[in-house]
Amino acid sequence: MEKVASFFKEERDPWFIRGERRGIEKGRNAEREKTVRNLVKASVLTDEQIASALEVTLEYVAGIRKEME
């Protein structure tokens, strides 16, 4: 069993790498949504400014604003 453990590295496994990338992307999306919600709640910027600053679509920001109403 030790020989297999020394040969198999989790970090090189394609499924591990794929899952890790998905996890990172989910985290980024969650943080982006949280930031959009905070900016909408603060009403400091327009939807266009928020979309431009966070590199998301205007529809995404408008959808979150509509959800919050």
N, C-alpha and C. Protein backbone atom coordinates (compact mmCIF):
# COMPACT_ATOMS: atom_id res chain seq x y z
N MET A 1 0.82 -1.18 0.00
CA MET A 1 0.00 0.00 0.00
C MET A 1 0.87 1.26 0.00
N GLU A 2 1.97 1.22 0.68
CA GLU A 2 2.84 2.39 0.72
C GLU A 2 3.39 2.73 -0.65
N LYS A 3 3.64 1.70 -1.48
CA LYS A 3 4.15 1.95 -2.83
C LYS A 3 3.13 2.73 -3.64
N VAL A 4 1.86 2.37 -3.51
CA VAL A 4 0.81 3.07 -4.23
C VAL A 4 0.71 4.51 -3.72
N ALA A 5 0.78 4.69 -2.44
CA ALA A 5 0.68 6.03 -1.86
C ALA A 5 1.83 6.91 -2.30
N SER A 6 3.01 6.34 -2.47
CA SER A 6 4.14 7.16 -2.92
C SER A 6 4.05 7.45 -4.41
N PHE A 7 3.38 6.57 -5.16
CA PHE A 7 3.23 6.77 -6.59
C PHE A 7 2.08 7.72 -6.91
N PHE A 8 0.95 7.55 -6.25
CA PHE A 8 -0.25 8.34 -6.51
C PHE A 8 -0.22 9.63 -5.72
N LYS A 9 -0.23 10.73 -6.41
CA LYS A 9 -0.26 12.05 -5.77
C LYS A 9 -1.60 12.70 -6.08
N GLU A 10 -2.31 13.00 -5.03
CA GLU A 10 -3.64 13.59 -5.15
C GLU A 10 -3.62 14.85 -6.01
N GLU A 11 -2.60 15.66 -5.87
CA GLU A 11 -2.52 16.93 -6.58
C GLU A 11 -2.40 16.75 -8.08
N ARG A 12 -1.99 15.57 -8.54
CA ARG A 12 -1.85 15.31 -9.97
C ARG A 12 -3.06 14.59 -10.55
N ASP A 13 -3.99 14.20 -9.72
CA ASP A 13 -5.17 13.48 -10.18
C ASP A 13 -6.10 14.43 -10.94
N PRO A 14 -6.48 14.07 -12.17
CA PRO A 14 -7.35 14.96 -12.96
C PRO A 14 -8.69 15.28 -12.28
N TRP A 15 -9.26 14.31 -11.58
CA TRP A 15 -10.53 14.54 -10.90
C TRP A 15 -10.37 15.47 -9.71
N PHE A 16 -9.25 15.36 -9.03
CA PHE A 16 -8.96 16.26 -7.91
C PHE A 16 -8.80 17.68 -8.43
N ILE A 17 -8.05 17.82 -9.50
CA ILE A 17 -7.80 19.15 -10.08
C ILE A 17 -9.12 19.77 -10.54
N ARG A 18 -9.95 18.96 -11.19
CA ARG A 18 -11.25 19.45 -11.67
C ARG A 18 -12.13 19.90 -10.51
N GLY A 19 -12.19 19.11 -9.46
CA GLY A 19 -12.98 19.47 -8.29
C GLY A 19 -12.45 20.72 -7.59
N GLU A 20 -11.14 20.82 -7.54
CA GLU A 20 -10.53 21.99 -6.92
C GLU A 20 -10.88 23.25 -7.69
N ARG A 21 -10.81 23.17 -9.00
CA ARG A 21 -11.16 24.34 -9.84
C ARG A 21 -12.62 24.73 -9.65
N ARG A 22 -13.49 23.73 -9.58
CA ARG A 22 -14.91 24.02 -9.37
C ARG A 22 -15.14 24.69 -8.02
N GLY A 23 -14.44 24.21 -7.02
CA GLY A 23 -14.57 24.79 -5.69
C GLY A 23 -14.10 26.23 -5.65
N ILE A 24 -13.01 26.49 -6.32
CA ILE A 24 -12.48 27.86 -6.38
C ILE A 24 -13.47 28.76 -7.10
N GLU A 25 -14.02 28.28 -8.20
CA GLU A 25 -14.99 29.08 -8.96
C GLU A 25 -16.25 29.34 -8.15
N LYS A 26 -16.72 28.34 -7.42
CA LYS A 26 -17.90 28.54 -6.56
C LYS A 26 -17.62 29.61 -5.51
N GLY A 27 -16.44 29.57 -4.94
CA GLY A 27 -16.07 30.57 -3.93
C GLY A 27 -16.01 31.97 -4.51
N ARG A 28 -15.47 32.08 -5.70
CA ARG A 28 -15.40 33.39 -6.36
C ARG A 28 -16.80 33.91 -6.66
N ASN A 29 -17.67 33.03 -7.15
CA ASN A 29 -19.04 33.45 -7.48
C ASN A 29 -19.79 33.88 -6.23
N ALA A 30 -19.60 33.15 -5.14
CA ALA A 30 -20.27 33.52 -3.89
C ALA A 30 -19.79 34.87 -3.39
N GLU A 31 -18.50 35.09 -3.47
CA GLU A 31 -17.94 36.36 -3.01
C GLU A 31 -18.39 37.51 -3.92
N ARG A 32 -18.45 37.25 -5.22
CA ARG A 32 -18.91 38.27 -6.17
C ARG A 32 -20.36 38.65 -5.87
N GLU A 33 -21.20 37.64 -5.62
CA GLU A 33 -22.60 37.91 -5.32
C GLU A 33 -22.74 38.70 -4.02
N LYS A 34 -21.97 38.34 -3.03
CA LYS A 34 -21.99 39.05 -1.75
C LYS A 34 -21.60 40.52 -1.95
N THR A 35 -20.59 40.76 -2.76
CA THR A 35 -20.13 42.13 -3.01
C THR A 35 -21.20 42.92 -3.75
N VAL A 36 -21.82 42.31 -4.75
CA VAL A 36 -22.89 42.99 -5.49
C VAL A 36 -24.02 43.35 -4.54
N ARG A 37 -24.42 42.40 -3.69
CA ARG A 37 -25.50 42.67 -2.73
C ARG A 37 -25.15 43.82 -1.79
N ASN A 38 -23.92 43.85 -1.32
CA ASN A 38 -23.50 44.92 -0.42
C ASN A 38 -23.51 46.28 -1.12
N LEU A 39 -23.07 46.32 -2.37
CA LEU A 39 -23.05 47.59 -3.11
C LEU A 39 -24.47 48.04 -3.44
N VAL A 40 -25.33 47.10 -3.79
CA VAL A 40 -26.73 47.45 -4.07
C VAL A 40 -27.38 47.98 -2.80
N LYS A 41 -27.12 47.31 -1.69
CA LYS A 41 -27.72 47.71 -0.40
C LYS A 41 -27.24 49.11 -0.01
N ALA A 42 -26.00 49.41 -0.27
CA ALA A 42 -25.45 50.72 0.09
C ALA A 42 -25.96 51.82 -0.84
N SER A 43 -26.45 51.45 -2.01
CA SER A 43 -26.98 52.40 -3.00
C SER A 43 -25.99 53.52 -3.32
N VAL A 44 -24.74 53.16 -3.38
CA VAL A 44 -23.70 54.14 -3.67
C VAL A 44 -23.46 54.26 -5.17
N LEU A 45 -23.58 53.14 -5.87
CA LEU A 45 -23.28 53.12 -7.30
C LEU A 45 -24.51 52.68 -8.09
N THR A 46 -24.50 53.02 -9.38
CA THR A 46 -25.56 52.55 -10.27
C THR A 46 -25.28 51.10 -10.64
N ASP A 47 -26.28 50.45 -11.21
CA ASP A 47 -26.10 49.07 -11.65
C ASP A 47 -24.98 48.96 -12.69
N GLU A 48 -24.90 49.93 -13.57
CA GLU A 48 -23.86 49.93 -14.60
C GLU A 48 -22.47 50.03 -13.98
N GLN A 49 -22.33 50.88 -12.98
CA GLN A 49 -21.03 51.03 -12.32
C GLN A 49 -20.64 49.77 -11.56
N ILE A 50 -21.61 49.14 -10.90
CA ILE A 50 -21.33 47.91 -10.17
C ILE A 50 -20.91 46.82 -11.15
N ALA A 51 -21.66 46.67 -12.24
CA ALA A 51 -21.35 45.65 -13.24
C ALA A 51 -19.96 45.86 -13.82
N SER A 52 -19.62 47.08 -14.11
CA SER A 52 -18.32 47.39 -14.68
C SER A 52 -17.19 47.12 -13.68
N ALA A 53 -17.37 47.54 -12.45
CA ALA A 53 -16.34 47.38 -11.44
C ALA A 53 -16.07 45.92 -11.11
N LEU A 54 -17.12 45.10 -11.10
CA LEU A 54 -16.97 43.69 -10.71
C LEU A 54 -16.88 42.75 -11.90
N GLU A 55 -16.90 43.32 -13.10
CA GLU A 55 -16.80 42.55 -14.34
C GLU A 55 -17.88 41.47 -14.42
N VAL A 56 -19.13 41.89 -14.16
CA VAL A 56 -20.30 41.02 -14.31
C VAL A 56 -21.26 41.72 -15.27
N THR A 57 -22.28 40.99 -15.69
CA THR A 57 -23.23 41.60 -16.62
C THR A 57 -24.20 42.50 -15.87
N LEU A 58 -24.74 43.42 -16.61
CA LEU A 58 -25.74 44.34 -16.06
C LEU A 58 -26.99 43.54 -15.64
N GLU A 59 -27.31 42.51 -16.40
CA GLU A 59 -28.46 41.67 -16.08
C GLU A 59 -28.26 40.96 -14.74
N TYR A 60 -27.04 40.55 -14.45
CA TYR A 60 -26.72 39.88 -13.19
C TYR A 60 -26.99 40.82 -12.01
N VAL A 61 -26.51 42.04 -12.13
CA VAL A 61 -26.71 43.04 -11.07
C VAL A 61 -28.19 43.38 -10.93
N ALA A 62 -28.87 43.57 -12.05
CA ALA A 62 -30.29 43.90 -12.02
C ALA A 62 -31.10 42.75 -11.41
N GLY A 63 -30.72 41.52 -11.70
CA GLY A 63 -31.39 40.36 -11.12
C GLY A 63 -31.24 40.31 -9.61
N ILE A 64 -30.05 40.59 -9.13
CA ILE A 64 -29.82 40.60 -7.68
C ILE A 64 -30.59 41.74 -7.04
N ARG A 65 -30.60 42.90 -7.68
CA ARG A 65 -31.35 44.04 -7.15
C ARG A 65 -32.84 43.69 -7.05
N LYS A 66 -33.37 43.04 -8.09
CA LYS A 66 -34.78 42.67 -8.10
C LYS A 66 -35.07 41.64 -6.99
N GLU A 67 -34.15 40.69 -6.79
CA GLU A 67 -34.28 39.69 -5.72
C GLU A 67 -34.36 40.35 -4.35
N MET A 68 -33.61 41.41 -4.18
CA MET A 68 -33.50 42.06 -2.88
C MET A 68 -34.72 42.94 -2.56
N GLU A 69 -35.49 43.29 -3.57
CA GLU A 69 -36.65 44.15 -3.35
C GLU A 69 -37.79 43.42 -2.73
